Amino acid sequence: MKNDITRDTFDPLKHFSRVLMQQGRVQLDADWNEQISILLRYLRLLAADIIGAAGGPSPASGFELVVNERRLDQLISGLGKEEQASLRRLLKTQELLLSPGRYYVDGWLVENASFVSFFDQPHFRRQGNSDELKDRIRNKGSQLVYVDVWERHVTFIEDDSIREKALGRPDTATRAQVVWRVRARELSDDEKNASIQSTFDAIKAGWGKWQHRHTMNRGKLRARVMEEKSEDPHMASAKSGYRGIENQLYRVEIHNGGAAWNGKDENTPSPSATFKWSRDNGSVVAAWLEQDGNALSVRRIRGQHRGFSVNQWIELSDSVREITGRGIFVQARKVEGDKLTIDPHNQPFNRADFSDIATVRCWDQHETDQTKLHNGVIPIIEGKWFTLEEGVQVHFEPE
């Protein structure tokens, strides 16, 4: 999560049961956050051990796929006539609804507050009502439907109510939110041809293969501080180690997935994997309010010690693009208060193409003699050490 923290100290392999605060000591955010992570892991493991990989409470289990009016009538019998009629119309137009209720996925509690269309889910409204997706579900035969669950980071930009009104609405703590999406994939031939008795086993095996295909060759990241030999064997070189004067939490994040660039072809490496990095965990962000040509109006977080600077690469994004992690990169040419002027030679963009909650986020990669940028991000070359700054280096290697 791109939050402004000193560091993330939680490590499940240490098997800590709690954090014990001591008198007269400095209080840090890391200790409080680790306590919550310890408790949350315990609760989710407990739920998974008791419930299993997935399940819900029988009186209030959610995420049922409703495909016919008869089943819908059974589920909405206790509602008013107007609400029942509205839901019948929704089913007629959308063809596939998700019922409200609770469900547990690997111990994670997910909740659906009301009947929603499969094609217009709460966190993916810009991708909803897709005729192409409807045709795929309708015409491709048997589909495996599953719930994808994860956490996202929420600041006051996404939810202004978390600011403290009694103190003048400062930006204090942020939130983590569990989000979900019900997805579908076509069954393989082995899954389709399995007998009724072995269908479950076939789908379970097919799911394992599908997961493997989508997670294989993810690559690995190593990090270190630069080490240089000293002329005096009894002393470390002044160029070795971290040379910064402040405590920073570096974030290295994949921007585009795919194969690594070989580093030799002269052609534009646009299909290759790329990464971006931040010395502040990607936490320097502002709400993007308006656009006037190449001038952007933003609302920054009050009291943020770092901000936007000239020639810095910034990412234009919104709630939908945050899911994929791929916004649009542009370069700032002028910074005047809450107005940013963007290099007109960057790729074109339009505020109208973004959702109501759009953001401008700072990243710190820059072009050097050793590191070249492509559209504001760094093409990944496996087996090479990339120097970020102040002696900090990262290395990508294949799985």
Protein backbone atom coordinates (compact mmCIF):
# COMPACT_ATOMS: atom_id res chain seq x y z
CA MET A 1 0.00 0.00 0.00
CA LYS A 2 1.23 3.47 -0.90
CA ASN A 3 0.87 4.96 2.57
CA ASP A 4 3.21 7.32 4.41
CA ILE A 5 4.77 4.95 6.96
CA THR A 6 8.26 4.63 8.37
CA ARG A 7 8.48 0.91 7.50
CA ASP A 8 6.51 -2.34 7.51
CA THR A 9 7.88 -4.58 10.27
CA PHE A 10 5.31 -7.41 10.13
CA ASP A 11 6.82 -10.81 9.32
CA PRO A 12 4.54 -13.87 9.74
CA LEU A 13 7.56 -16.18 9.90
CA LYS A 14 8.57 -14.65 13.25
CA HIS A 15 5.31 -15.90 14.86
CA PHE A 16 4.96 -12.87 17.13
CA SER A 17 1.69 -12.95 19.10
CA ARG A 18 1.53 -9.27 20.06
CA VAL A 19 3.43 -5.99 20.37
CA LEU A 20 4.28 -4.82 23.90
CA MET A 21 4.59 -1.07 24.30
CA GLN A 22 7.17 0.14 26.85
CA GLN A 23 7.20 3.21 29.06
CA GLY A 24 9.35 6.16 28.18
CA ARG A 25 9.98 4.97 24.62
CA VAL A 26 9.44 6.67 21.29
CA GLN A 27 6.08 5.74 19.77
CA LEU A 28 6.23 4.79 16.09
CA ASP A 29 3.56 4.00 13.54
CA ALA A 30 5.35 0.74 12.66
CA ASP A 31 4.65 -0.80 16.07
CA TRP A 32 0.93 0.00 15.99
CA ASN A 33 0.59 -1.22 12.41
CA GLU A 34 2.41 -4.46 13.23
CA GLN A 35 0.03 -5.15 16.13
CA ILE A 36 -2.96 -4.86 13.79
CA SER A 37 -1.28 -7.07 11.18
CA ILE A 38 -0.59 -9.77 13.80
CA LEU A 39 -4.21 -9.78 14.96
CA LEU A 40 -5.63 -9.64 11.43
CA ARG A 41 -3.51 -12.58 10.26
CA TYR A 42 -4.65 -14.62 13.26
CA LEU A 43 -8.34 -13.91 12.60
CA ARG A 44 -8.10 -14.70 8.89
CA LEU A 45 -6.19 -17.93 9.49
CA LEU A 46 -8.73 -18.93 12.12
CA ALA A 47 -11.61 -18.29 9.73
CA ALA A 48 -9.89 -20.23 6.94
CA ASP A 49 -9.16 -23.19 9.24
CA ILE A 50 -12.78 -23.38 10.39
CA ILE A 51 -14.64 -22.46 7.19
CA GLY A 52 -12.20 -23.74 4.58
CA ALA A 53 -11.16 -22.11 1.31
CA ALA A 54 -14.60 -20.51 0.80
CA GLY A 55 -17.99 -20.38 2.45
CA GLY A 56 -20.69 -18.20 3.92
CA PRO A 57 -23.30 -18.23 6.72
CA SER A 58 -26.44 -19.99 5.52
CA PRO A 59 -28.91 -17.28 6.62
CA ALA A 60 -26.89 -14.44 5.12
CA SER A 61 -24.56 -15.97 2.53
CA GLY A 62 -23.95 -13.64 -0.38
CA PHE A 63 -22.66 -13.70 -3.95
CA GLU A 64 -25.22 -16.20 -5.22
CA LEU A 65 -25.58 -16.01 -9.02
CA VAL A 66 -29.21 -15.20 -9.76
CA VAL A 67 -30.19 -16.00 -13.35
CA ASN A 68 -33.99 -16.44 -13.28
CA GLU A 69 -36.93 -14.53 -11.84
CA ARG A 70 -38.25 -17.48 -9.87
CA ARG A 71 -35.09 -17.66 -7.75
CA LEU A 72 -35.01 -13.88 -7.43
CA ASP A 73 -38.59 -13.89 -6.08
CA GLN A 74 -37.55 -16.36 -3.39
CA LEU A 75 -34.70 -14.09 -2.28
CA ILE A 76 -36.68 -10.83 -2.27
CA SER A 77 -39.96 -12.02 -0.81
CA GLY A 78 -39.52 -9.86 2.28
CA LEU A 79 -38.95 -6.62 0.36
CA GLY A 80 -41.51 -3.99 -0.63
CA LYS A 81 -43.41 -4.22 -3.93
CA GLU A 82 -41.59 -1.28 -5.53
CA GLU A 83 -38.17 -2.66 -4.63
CA GLN A 84 -39.15 -6.13 -5.90
CA ALA A 85 -40.31 -4.66 -9.20
CA SER A 86 -37.07 -2.67 -9.53
CA LEU A 87 -34.94 -5.80 -8.99
CA ARG A 88 -36.98 -7.78 -11.53
CA ARG A 89 -36.31 -5.05 -14.09
CA LEU A 90 -32.62 -5.13 -13.21
CA LEU A 91 -32.48 -8.90 -13.74
CA LYS A 92 -34.29 -8.59 -17.06
CA THR A 93 -31.82 -6.04 -18.42
CA GLN A 94 -28.61 -7.40 -16.86
CA GLU A 95 -29.42 -11.15 -16.99
CA LEU A 96 -27.08 -12.04 -14.12
CA LEU A 97 -27.24 -10.65 -10.57
CA LEU A 98 -25.15 -11.16 -7.43
CA SER A 99 -27.09 -11.54 -4.20
CA PRO A 100 -26.28 -9.49 -1.08
CA GLY A 101 -24.66 -11.05 1.97
CA ARG A 102 -21.35 -12.19 3.42
CA TYR A 103 -18.77 -14.67 2.22
CA TYR A 104 -15.30 -15.79 3.30
CA VAL A 105 -12.48 -16.36 0.80
CA ASP A 106 -9.37 -17.91 2.38
CA GLY A 107 -10.51 -16.37 5.66
CA TRP A 108 -11.06 -12.89 4.21
CA LEU A 109 -14.53 -11.51 4.93
CA VAL A 110 -16.16 -9.96 1.83
CA GLU A 111 -19.55 -8.32 1.86
CA ASN A 112 -22.03 -7.34 -0.82
CA ALA A 113 -24.52 -4.78 0.45
CA SER A 114 -27.23 -5.18 -2.20
CA PHE A 115 -28.23 -6.94 -5.40
CA VAL A 116 -25.84 -5.85 -8.14
CA SER A 117 -25.33 -6.74 -11.77
CA PHE A 118 -22.45 -9.07 -12.53
CA PHE A 119 -21.55 -6.59 -15.28
CA ASP A 120 -21.66 -3.50 -13.05
CA GLN A 121 -19.97 -4.32 -9.75
CA PRO A 122 -19.30 -1.69 -7.07
CA HIS A 123 -15.56 -1.19 -7.54
CA PHE A 124 -15.59 -1.56 -11.33
CA ARG A 125 -18.39 0.62 -12.59
CA ARG A 126 -16.43 1.99 -15.55
CA GLN A 127 -15.97 -1.56 -16.77
CA GLY A 128 -19.63 -2.50 -16.25
CA ASN A 129 -22.47 -3.02 -18.73
CA SER A 130 -20.11 -4.58 -21.26
CA ASP A 131 -21.96 -6.20 -24.17
CA GLU A 132 -18.76 -8.02 -25.10
CA LEU A 133 -18.54 -9.58 -21.65
CA LYS A 134 -22.23 -10.52 -21.78
CA ASP A 135 -21.72 -12.27 -25.10
CA ARG A 136 -18.75 -14.19 -23.73
CA ILE A 137 -20.69 -15.36 -20.70
CA ARG A 138 -23.74 -16.21 -22.82
CA ASN A 139 -22.09 -17.92 -25.79
CA LYS A 140 -18.90 -19.53 -24.53
CA GLY A 141 -20.65 -22.35 -22.70
CA SER A 142 -19.66 -23.45 -19.21
CA GLN A 143 -17.86 -20.84 -17.11
CA LEU A 144 -16.10 -21.02 -13.76
CA VAL A 145 -17.19 -18.07 -11.63
CA TYR A 146 -15.01 -17.04 -8.69
CA VAL A 147 -14.51 -14.16 -6.27
CA ASP A 148 -11.24 -12.22 -6.47
CA VAL A 149 -10.43 -10.47 -3.17
CA TRP A 150 -7.71 -8.07 -2.06
CA GLU A 151 -7.08 -4.90 -0.05
CA ARG A 152 -6.69 -1.40 -1.39
CA HIS A 153 -5.38 1.75 0.24
CA VAL A 154 -7.88 4.57 0.89
CA THR A 155 -6.87 8.16 1.62
CA PHE A 156 -9.06 11.22 2.12
CA ILE A 157 -8.91 11.71 -1.65
CA GLU A 158 -11.04 8.61 -2.12
CA ASP A 159 -13.11 9.13 1.07
CA ASP A 160 -13.10 12.64 2.50
CA SER A 161 -15.01 11.56 5.63
CA ILE A 162 -11.88 10.04 7.22
CA ARG A 163 -10.41 13.50 7.86
CA GLU A 164 -10.83 14.81 11.42
CA LYS A 165 -13.49 17.55 11.30
CA ALA A 166 -12.94 18.68 14.91
CA LEU A 167 -9.31 19.67 14.20
CA GLY A 168 -9.81 21.53 10.94
CA ARG A 169 -9.97 18.45 8.71
CA PRO A 170 -6.28 17.44 8.72
CA ASP A 171 -5.04 14.32 6.96
CA THR A 172 -4.34 11.88 9.81
CA ALA A 173 -4.57 8.11 9.39
CA THR A 174 -5.55 6.33 6.18
CA ARG A 175 -7.53 3.10 5.73
CA ALA A 176 -7.24 -0.34 4.17
CA GLN A 177 -10.39 -1.56 2.42
CA VAL A 178 -11.29 -5.09 1.35
CA VAL A 179 -12.52 -5.02 -2.26
CA TRP A 180 -13.77 -7.80 -4.47
CA ARG A 181 -14.70 -8.66 -7.99
CA VAL A 182 -16.64 -11.67 -9.22
CA ARG A 183 -14.91 -12.95 -12.35
CA ALA A 184 -15.53 -15.74 -14.85
CA ARG A 185 -13.27 -17.88 -17.00
CA GLU A 186 -14.11 -20.50 -19.58
CA LEU A 187 -13.71 -24.11 -18.50
CA SER A 188 -11.00 -26.19 -20.17
CA ASP A 189 -11.86 -29.24 -22.28
CA ASP A 190 -10.82 -31.55 -19.43
CA GLU A 191 -13.14 -29.71 -17.05
CA LYS A 192 -16.04 -29.74 -19.53
CA ASN A 193 -15.66 -33.45 -20.38
CA ALA A 194 -15.38 -34.69 -16.79
CA SER A 195 -18.19 -36.90 -15.52
CA ILE A 196 -20.64 -35.47 -13.01
CA GLN A 197 -18.99 -37.41 -10.21
CA SER A 198 -15.53 -36.07 -11.01
CA THR A 199 -16.46 -32.56 -12.10
CA PHE A 200 -15.37 -31.00 -8.81
CA ASP A 201 -11.98 -32.74 -8.88
CA ALA A 202 -11.48 -31.75 -12.53
CA ILE A 203 -12.30 -28.11 -11.84
CA LYS A 204 -10.05 -28.10 -8.77
CA ALA A 205 -7.17 -29.50 -10.85
CA GLY A 206 -7.92 -27.08 -13.67
CA TRP A 207 -7.95 -24.17 -11.24
CA GLY A 208 -4.48 -25.14 -10.04
CA LYS A 209 -3.18 -25.24 -13.63
CA TRP A 210 -4.85 -21.91 -14.43
CA GLN A 211 -3.30 -20.28 -11.37
CA HIS A 212 0.11 -21.66 -12.29
CA ARG A 213 -0.10 -20.20 -15.81
CA HIS A 214 -0.99 -16.79 -14.41
CA THR A 215 1.69 -16.74 -11.71
CA MET A 216 4.64 -18.49 -13.37
CA ASN A 217 7.69 -16.50 -14.45
CA ARG A 218 6.89 -13.66 -12.08
CA GLY A 219 10.59 -12.95 -11.59
CA LYS A 220 12.40 -11.95 -8.43
CA LEU A 221 13.65 -8.65 -7.04
CA ARG A 222 16.79 -8.18 -5.00
CA ALA A 223 17.90 -4.99 -3.27
CA ARG A 224 21.16 -3.81 -1.79
CA VAL A 225 23.23 -0.75 -1.05
CA MET A 226 26.15 -0.10 -3.35
CA GLU A 227 29.47 -1.60 -2.33
CA GLU A 228 32.75 -0.25 -3.65
CA LYS A 229 36.27 -1.35 -2.82
CA SER A 230 38.43 0.93 -0.73
CA GLU A 231 42.11 1.61 -1.30
CA ASP A 232 42.56 1.01 2.43
CA PRO A 233 41.57 -2.59 3.27
CA HIS A 234 40.89 -1.55 6.87
CA MET A 235 38.30 1.09 5.94
CA ALA A 236 35.07 0.97 4.00
CA SER A 237 34.81 3.18 0.94
CA ALA A 238 32.93 6.44 1.43
CA LYS A 239 30.88 5.47 -1.62
CA SER A 240 29.64 2.25 -0.02
CA GLY A 241 26.35 1.95 1.85
CA TYR A 242 23.33 4.24 1.92
CA ARG A 243 24.42 7.84 1.43
CA GLY A 244 21.14 9.60 2.17
CA ILE A 245 20.63 11.73 5.27
CA GLU A 246 16.95 10.84 5.83
CA ASN A 247 15.09 7.63 6.59
CA GLN A 248 13.25 6.66 3.40
CA LEU A 249 10.92 3.77 2.55
CA TYR A 250 11.70 2.90 -1.06
CA ARG A 251 8.98 1.40 -3.21
CA VAL A 252 9.80 -0.45 -6.44
CA GLU A 253 6.67 -1.36 -8.41
CA ILE A 254 6.05 -3.08 -11.73
CA HIS A 255 4.22 -0.73 -14.10
CA ASN A 256 3.82 -2.93 -17.18
CA GLY A 257 4.08 -6.70 -16.94
CA GLY A 258 5.56 -8.91 -19.64
CA ALA A 259 8.92 -10.14 -20.80
CA ALA A 260 12.09 -8.25 -19.85
CA TRP A 261 13.87 -6.15 -22.46
CA ASN A 262 17.16 -7.56 -23.75
CA GLY A 263 18.76 -4.13 -23.50
CA LYS A 264 20.19 -4.32 -27.01
CA ASP A 265 17.45 -3.79 -29.57
CA GLU A 266 17.23 -0.26 -30.84
CA ASN A 267 13.48 -0.56 -31.33
CA THR A 268 11.15 1.00 -28.80
CA PRO A 269 10.84 -1.49 -25.93
CA SER A 270 7.13 -0.75 -25.41
CA PRO A 271 6.06 -4.41 -25.11
CA SER A 272 8.61 -5.08 -22.38
CA ALA A 273 8.11 -5.05 -18.62
CA THR A 274 8.82 -1.75 -16.88
CA PHE A 275 9.09 -0.48 -13.32
CA LYS A 276 8.80 2.76 -11.36
CA TRP A 277 10.12 3.75 -7.95
CA SER A 278 9.54 6.20 -5.13
CA ARG A 279 11.59 7.18 -2.09
CA ASP A 280 8.37 7.86 -0.15
CA ASN A 281 6.56 4.54 -0.80
CA GLY A 282 4.55 6.25 -3.55
CA SER A 283 2.61 8.18 -0.89
CA VAL A 284 3.00 11.69 -2.37
CA VAL A 285 -0.32 12.13 -4.14
CA ALA A 286 -2.88 14.82 -4.86
CA ALA A 287 -6.47 14.89 -6.04
CA TRP A 288 -6.72 15.88 -9.71
CA LEU A 289 -9.55 18.39 -9.94
CA GLU A 290 -9.52 20.05 -13.35
CA GLN A 291 -7.61 20.31 -16.61
CA ASP A 292 -7.06 23.34 -18.81
CA GLY A 293 -4.95 22.17 -21.73
CA ASN A 294 -1.59 21.19 -20.24
CA ALA A 295 -2.37 22.82 -16.87
CA LEU A 296 -3.70 20.61 -14.09
CA SER A 297 -5.41 21.86 -10.94
CA VAL A 298 -4.80 19.62 -7.93
CA ARG A 299 -5.53 19.50 -4.19
CA ARG A 300 -2.55 18.35 -2.18
CA ILE A 301 -2.34 16.74 1.23
CA ARG A 302 -1.80 19.45 3.83
CA GLY A 303 1.48 19.21 5.68
CA GLN A 304 3.10 16.85 3.20
CA HIS A 305 6.83 17.51 3.50
CA ARG A 306 7.53 16.53 -0.08
CA GLY A 307 5.64 17.67 -3.13
CA PHE A 308 5.83 18.03 -6.88
CA SER A 309 8.92 19.39 -8.57
CA VAL A 310 9.94 20.53 -12.03
CA ASN A 311 10.87 17.73 -14.47
CA GLN A 312 9.45 15.09 -12.14
CA TRP A 313 7.51 12.21 -13.69
CA ILE A 314 3.99 11.97 -12.30
CA GLU A 315 1.28 9.37 -12.81
CA LEU A 316 -2.29 10.27 -13.72
CA SER A 317 -4.66 7.64 -12.39
CA ASP A 318 -8.07 6.90 -10.89
CA SER A 319 -9.82 4.16 -8.92
CA VAL A 320 -10.06 1.85 -11.95
CA ARG A 321 -6.48 2.33 -13.12
CA GLU A 322 -5.24 1.81 -9.55
CA ILE A 323 -6.51 -1.78 -9.76
CA THR A 324 -4.20 -2.53 -12.69
CA GLY A 325 -1.39 -0.29 -11.39
CA ARG A 326 -1.00 1.37 -14.77
CA GLY A 327 -1.78 5.05 -14.99
CA ILE A 328 -0.50 7.53 -17.59
CA PHE A 329 2.94 9.06 -17.02
CA VAL A 330 3.58 12.72 -17.84
CA GLN A 331 6.38 15.10 -16.89
CA ALA A 332 5.89 18.30 -14.93
CA ARG A 333 7.45 21.39 -16.53
CA LYS A 334 6.19 24.00 -14.07
CA VAL A 335 4.88 23.84 -10.50
CA GLU A 336 2.99 26.84 -9.12
CA GLY A 337 1.10 26.14 -5.91
CA ASP A 338 -1.69 23.74 -6.76
CA LYS A 339 -1.27 24.06 -10.52
CA LEU A 340 0.99 21.75 -12.54
CA THR A 341 1.98 22.44 -16.14
CA ILE A 342 2.69 19.26 -18.10
CA ASP A 343 5.16 18.79 -20.95
CA PRO A 344 3.02 19.10 -24.12
CA HIS A 345 5.13 16.45 -25.86
CA ASN A 346 3.96 13.71 -23.48
CA GLN A 347 1.29 11.20 -24.50
CA PRO A 348 -2.13 12.88 -24.75
CA PHE A 349 -4.65 12.62 -21.93
CA ASN A 350 -8.07 14.01 -21.03
CA ARG A 351 -9.59 14.49 -17.58
CA ALA A 352 -12.95 13.34 -18.97
CA ASP A 353 -11.49 9.86 -19.56
CA PHE A 354 -10.91 9.44 -15.82
CA SER A 355 -13.43 8.73 -13.09
CA ASP A 356 -14.67 11.37 -10.64
CA ILE A 357 -11.90 10.47 -8.18
CA ALA A 358 -8.69 10.99 -10.14
CA THR A 359 -5.18 11.39 -8.71
CA VAL A 360 -1.75 12.75 -9.54
CA ARG A 361 1.02 10.71 -7.91
CA CYS A 362 4.74 11.50 -7.66
CA TRP A 363 7.43 9.00 -8.67
CA ASP A 364 11.17 9.54 -8.51
CA GLN A 365 12.72 7.68 -11.45
CA HIS A 366 14.82 9.88 -13.68
CA GLU A 367 17.01 9.35 -16.70
CA THR A 368 20.78 8.94 -16.25
CA ASP A 369 23.66 7.76 -18.41
CA GLN A 370 23.09 4.24 -17.09
CA THR A 371 19.27 4.26 -16.88
CA LYS A 372 17.04 5.20 -19.78
CA LEU A 373 13.32 5.89 -19.43
CA HIS A 374 10.54 4.92 -21.81
CA ASN A 375 7.32 6.92 -21.42
CA GLY A 376 8.44 7.87 -17.92
CA VAL A 377 9.19 4.36 -16.62
CA ILE A 378 12.26 2.10 -16.68
CA PRO A 379 12.40 -0.95 -19.01
CA ILE A 380 13.44 -4.02 -17.01
CA ILE A 381 16.65 -5.77 -18.03
CA GLU A 382 17.21 -9.01 -16.14
CA GLY A 383 20.58 -9.59 -14.55
CA LYS A 384 21.44 -5.89 -14.27
CA TRP A 385 21.76 -3.77 -11.13
CA PHE A 386 19.78 -0.52 -11.40
CA THR A 387 20.97 2.35 -9.21
CA LEU A 388 18.03 4.32 -7.84
CA GLU A 389 19.82 6.96 -5.76
CA GLU A 390 22.07 7.42 -2.74
CA GLY A 391 23.66 3.99 -3.23
CA VAL A 392 20.35 2.06 -3.33
CA GLN A 393 20.27 -0.60 -6.06
CA VAL A 394 17.75 -3.19 -7.28
CA HIS A 395 18.19 -6.29 -9.45
CA PHE A 396 15.61 -8.29 -11.43
CA GLU A 397 16.17 -11.96 -12.13
CA PRO A 398 13.88 -14.64 -13.64
CA GLU A 399 11.98 -17.17 -11.54
